[in-house]
Amino acid sequence: MKSREKDTRLSDQVETQTARHLSNLFNSKSFSSFFTGKTKLEPLSIVILSVVMSLASVEMIKESIEKIVHYVHDPHGGPVVKLPTVLICVVTVGKFTACTKRI
């Protein structure tokens, strides 16, 4: 039990020291400690997230095409579409067309 308490204390110390260091770093007037500056980190994160979202879109398009090709080659194994799915699609398309006609 004592070894676990030591681990907890060590992790608490590491967390406290890290928080102090970051607090001092952000509160200091010298921005030279940042490798590119605070203002340049935000656009960098936006670029990284946009690349990740683009890759996710490409992956979804690829999977959709694979499914369509699979269903074309196997006409008896098509997707099962039930009434709730059809209703959701009809309501969504109806709302879309109603909203775009008002504009």
C-alpha atoms as a PDB file:
ATOM      1  CA  MET A   1       0.000   0.000   0.000  1.00  0.00           C
ATOM      2  CA  LYS A   2       2.876   2.346   0.755  1.00  0.00           C
ATOM      3  CA  SER A   3       4.370   1.923  -2.708  1.00  0.00           C
ATOM      4  CA  ARG A   4       1.089   3.048  -4.222  1.00  0.00           C
ATOM      5  CA  GLU A   5       1.089   6.135  -2.006  1.00  0.00           C
ATOM      6  CA  LYS A   6       4.609   6.921  -3.202  1.00  0.00           C
ATOM      7  CA  ASP A   7       3.482   6.613  -6.838  1.00  0.00           C
ATOM      8  CA  THR A   8       0.580   8.920  -6.132  1.00  0.00           C
ATOM      9  CA  ARG A   9       2.819  11.434  -4.457  1.00  0.00           C
ATOM     10  CA  LEU A  10       5.318  11.284  -7.301  1.00  0.00           C
ATOM     11  CA  SER A  11       2.585  11.789  -9.898  1.00  0.00           C
ATOM     12  CA  ASP A  12       1.188  14.664  -7.836  1.00  0.00           C
ATOM     13  CA  GLN A  13       4.622  16.241  -7.724  1.00  0.00           C
ATOM     14  CA  VAL A  14       5.114  15.874 -11.449  1.00  0.00           C
ATOM     15  CA  GLU A  15       1.679  17.340 -12.106  1.00  0.00           C
ATOM     16  CA  THR A  16       2.283  20.252  -9.732  1.00  0.00           C
ATOM     17  CA  GLN A  17       5.690  21.063 -11.185  1.00  0.00           C
ATOM     18  CA  THR A  18       4.355  20.876 -14.736  1.00  0.00           C
ATOM     19  CA  ALA A  19       1.441  23.161 -13.877  1.00  0.00           C
ATOM     20  CA  ARG A  20       3.798  25.655 -12.207  1.00  0.00           C
ATOM     21  CA  HIS A  21       6.169  25.632 -15.158  1.00  0.00           C
ATOM     22  CA  LEU A  22       3.373  26.151 -17.684  1.00  0.00           C
ATOM     23  CA  SER A  23       1.802  28.855 -15.543  1.00  0.00           C
ATOM     24  CA  ASN A  24       5.108  30.723 -15.352  1.00  0.00           C
ATOM     25  CA  LEU A  25       5.652  30.237 -19.075  1.00  0.00           C
ATOM     26  CA  PHE A  26       2.258  31.629 -20.057  1.00  0.00           C
ATOM     27  CA  ASN A  27       2.383  34.495 -17.579  1.00  0.00           C
ATOM     28  CA  SER A  28       5.873  35.626 -18.529  1.00  0.00           C
ATOM     29  CA  LYS A  29       6.226  38.687 -20.719  1.00  0.00           C
ATOM     30  CA  SER A  30       8.964  37.012 -22.745  1.00  0.00           C
ATOM     31  CA  PHE A  31       7.531  35.146 -25.709  1.00  0.00           C
ATOM     32  CA  SER A  32      10.966  33.935 -26.771  1.00  0.00           C
ATOM     33  CA  SER A  33      10.410  30.718 -24.816  1.00  0.00           C
ATOM     34  CA  PHE A  34       7.724  29.680 -27.337  1.00  0.00           C
ATOM     35  CA  PHE A  35       9.137  28.074 -30.438  1.00  0.00           C
ATOM     36  CA  THR A  36       6.832  29.963 -32.812  1.00  0.00           C
ATOM     37  CA  GLY A  37       4.854  32.236 -30.562  1.00  0.00           C
ATOM     38  CA  LYS A  38       1.365  31.930 -29.124  1.00  0.00           C
ATOM     39  CA  THR A  39      -0.392  33.438 -32.114  1.00  0.00           C
ATOM     40  CA  LYS A  40       1.081  30.979 -34.624  1.00  0.00           C
ATOM     41  CA  LEU A  41      -0.051  27.860 -32.772  1.00  0.00           C
ATOM     42  CA  GLU A  42      -3.744  28.399 -33.471  1.00  0.00           C
ATOM     43  CA  PRO A  43      -3.464  28.423 -37.297  1.00  0.00           C
ATOM     44  CA  LEU A  44      -1.216  25.381 -37.091  1.00  0.00           C
ATOM     45  CA  SER A  45      -3.843  23.447 -35.134  1.00  0.00           C
ATOM     46  CA  ILE A  46      -6.522  24.536 -37.628  1.00  0.00           C
ATOM     47  CA  VAL A  47      -4.437  23.224 -40.517  1.00  0.00           C
ATOM     48  CA  ILE A  48      -3.797  19.905 -38.766  1.00  0.00           C
ATOM     49  CA  LEU A  49      -7.488  19.424 -37.925  1.00  0.00           C
ATOM     50  CA  SER A  50      -8.562  20.314 -41.457  1.00  0.00           C
ATOM     51  CA  VAL A  51      -6.171  17.698 -42.848  1.00  0.00           C
ATOM     52  CA  VAL A  52      -7.586  15.089 -40.465  1.00  0.00           C
ATOM     53  CA  MET A  53     -11.165  15.982 -41.463  1.00  0.00           C
ATOM     54  CA  SER A  54     -10.242  15.824 -45.154  1.00  0.00           C
ATOM     55  CA  LEU A  55      -8.738  12.373 -44.710  1.00  0.00           C
ATOM     56  CA  ALA A  56     -11.876  11.233 -42.890  1.00  0.00           C
ATOM     57  CA  SER A  57     -14.032  12.501 -45.772  1.00  0.00           C
ATOM     58  CA  VAL A  58     -11.882  10.718 -48.338  1.00  0.00           C
ATOM     59  CA  GLU A  59     -12.105   7.496 -46.313  1.00  0.00           C
ATOM     60  CA  MET A  60     -15.914   7.728 -46.138  1.00  0.00           C
ATOM     61  CA  ILE A  61     -16.164   8.351 -49.891  1.00  0.00           C
ATOM     62  CA  LYS A  62     -13.894   5.368 -50.545  1.00  0.00           C
ATOM     63  CA  GLU A  63     -15.978   3.079 -48.325  1.00  0.00           C
ATOM     64  CA  SER A  64     -19.206   4.288 -49.943  1.00  0.00           C
ATOM     65  CA  ILE A  65     -17.896   3.524 -53.422  1.00  0.00           C
ATOM     66  CA  GLU A  66     -16.752   0.076 -52.284  1.00  0.00           C
ATOM     67  CA  LYS A  67     -20.228  -0.663 -50.865  1.00  0.00           C
ATOM     68  CA  ILE A  68     -21.952   0.508 -54.053  1.00  0.00           C
ATOM     69  CA  VAL A  69     -19.671  -1.662 -56.188  1.00  0.00           C
ATOM     70  CA  HIS A  70     -20.318  -4.626 -53.871  1.00  0.00           C
ATOM     71  CA  TYR A  71     -24.103  -4.172 -54.132  1.00  0.00           C
ATOM     72  CA  VAL A  72     -23.937  -3.854 -57.926  1.00  0.00           C
ATOM     73  CA  HIS A  73     -22.098  -7.166 -58.236  1.00  0.00           C
ATOM     74  CA  ASP A  74     -24.356  -8.949 -55.722  1.00  0.00           C
ATOM     75  CA  PRO A  75     -27.971  -7.902 -56.484  1.00  0.00           C
ATOM     76  CA  HIS A  76     -29.500 -10.250 -53.885  1.00  0.00           C
ATOM     77  CA  GLY A  77     -27.375  -8.948 -51.019  1.00  0.00           C
ATOM     78  CA  GLY A  78     -28.511  -5.327 -51.125  1.00  0.00           C
ATOM     79  CA  PRO A  79     -29.001  -3.147 -48.091  1.00  0.00           C
ATOM     80  CA  VAL A  80     -32.100  -3.597 -45.958  1.00  0.00           C
ATOM     81  CA  VAL A  81     -34.053  -0.341 -45.755  1.00  0.00           C
ATOM     82  CA  LYS A  82     -36.850  -0.230 -43.215  1.00  0.00           C
ATOM     83  CA  LEU A  83     -39.694   2.262 -42.818  1.00  0.00           C
ATOM     84  CA  PRO A  84     -38.017   4.504 -40.166  1.00  0.00           C
ATOM     85  CA  THR A  85     -35.020   4.971 -42.448  1.00  0.00           C
ATOM     86  CA  VAL A  86     -37.229   5.947 -45.364  1.00  0.00           C
ATOM     87  CA  LEU A  87     -39.208   8.389 -43.194  1.00  0.00           C
ATOM     88  CA  ILE A  88     -36.048  10.057 -41.904  1.00  0.00           C
ATOM     89  CA  CYS A  89     -34.777  10.470 -45.478  1.00  0.00           C
ATOM     90  CA  VAL A  90     -38.068  11.886 -46.731  1.00  0.00           C
ATOM     91  CA  VAL A  91     -38.370  14.355 -43.838  1.00  0.00           C
ATOM     92  CA  THR A  92     -34.759  15.488 -44.259  1.00  0.00           C
ATOM     93  CA  VAL A  93     -35.117  16.060 -47.994  1.00  0.00           C
ATOM     94  CA  GLY A  94     -38.459  17.797 -47.424  1.00  0.00           C
ATOM     95  CA  LYS A  95     -36.991  20.162 -44.833  1.00  0.00           C
ATOM     96  CA  PHE A  96     -34.035  20.905 -47.097  1.00  0.00           C
ATOM     97  CA  THR A  97     -36.191  21.746 -50.081  1.00  0.00           C
ATOM     98  CA  ALA A  98     -38.590  23.815 -47.978  1.00  0.00           C
ATOM     99  CA  CYS A  99     -35.743  25.848 -46.469  1.00  0.00           C
ATOM    100  CA  THR A 100     -33.954  26.435 -49.766  1.00  0.00           C
ATOM    101  CA  LYS A 101     -37.132  27.644 -51.505  1.00  0.00           C
ATOM    102  CA  ARG A 102     -37.569  30.406 -48.906  1.00  0.00           C
ATOM    103  CA  ILE A 103     -34.154  31.863 -49.613  1.00  0.00           C
END
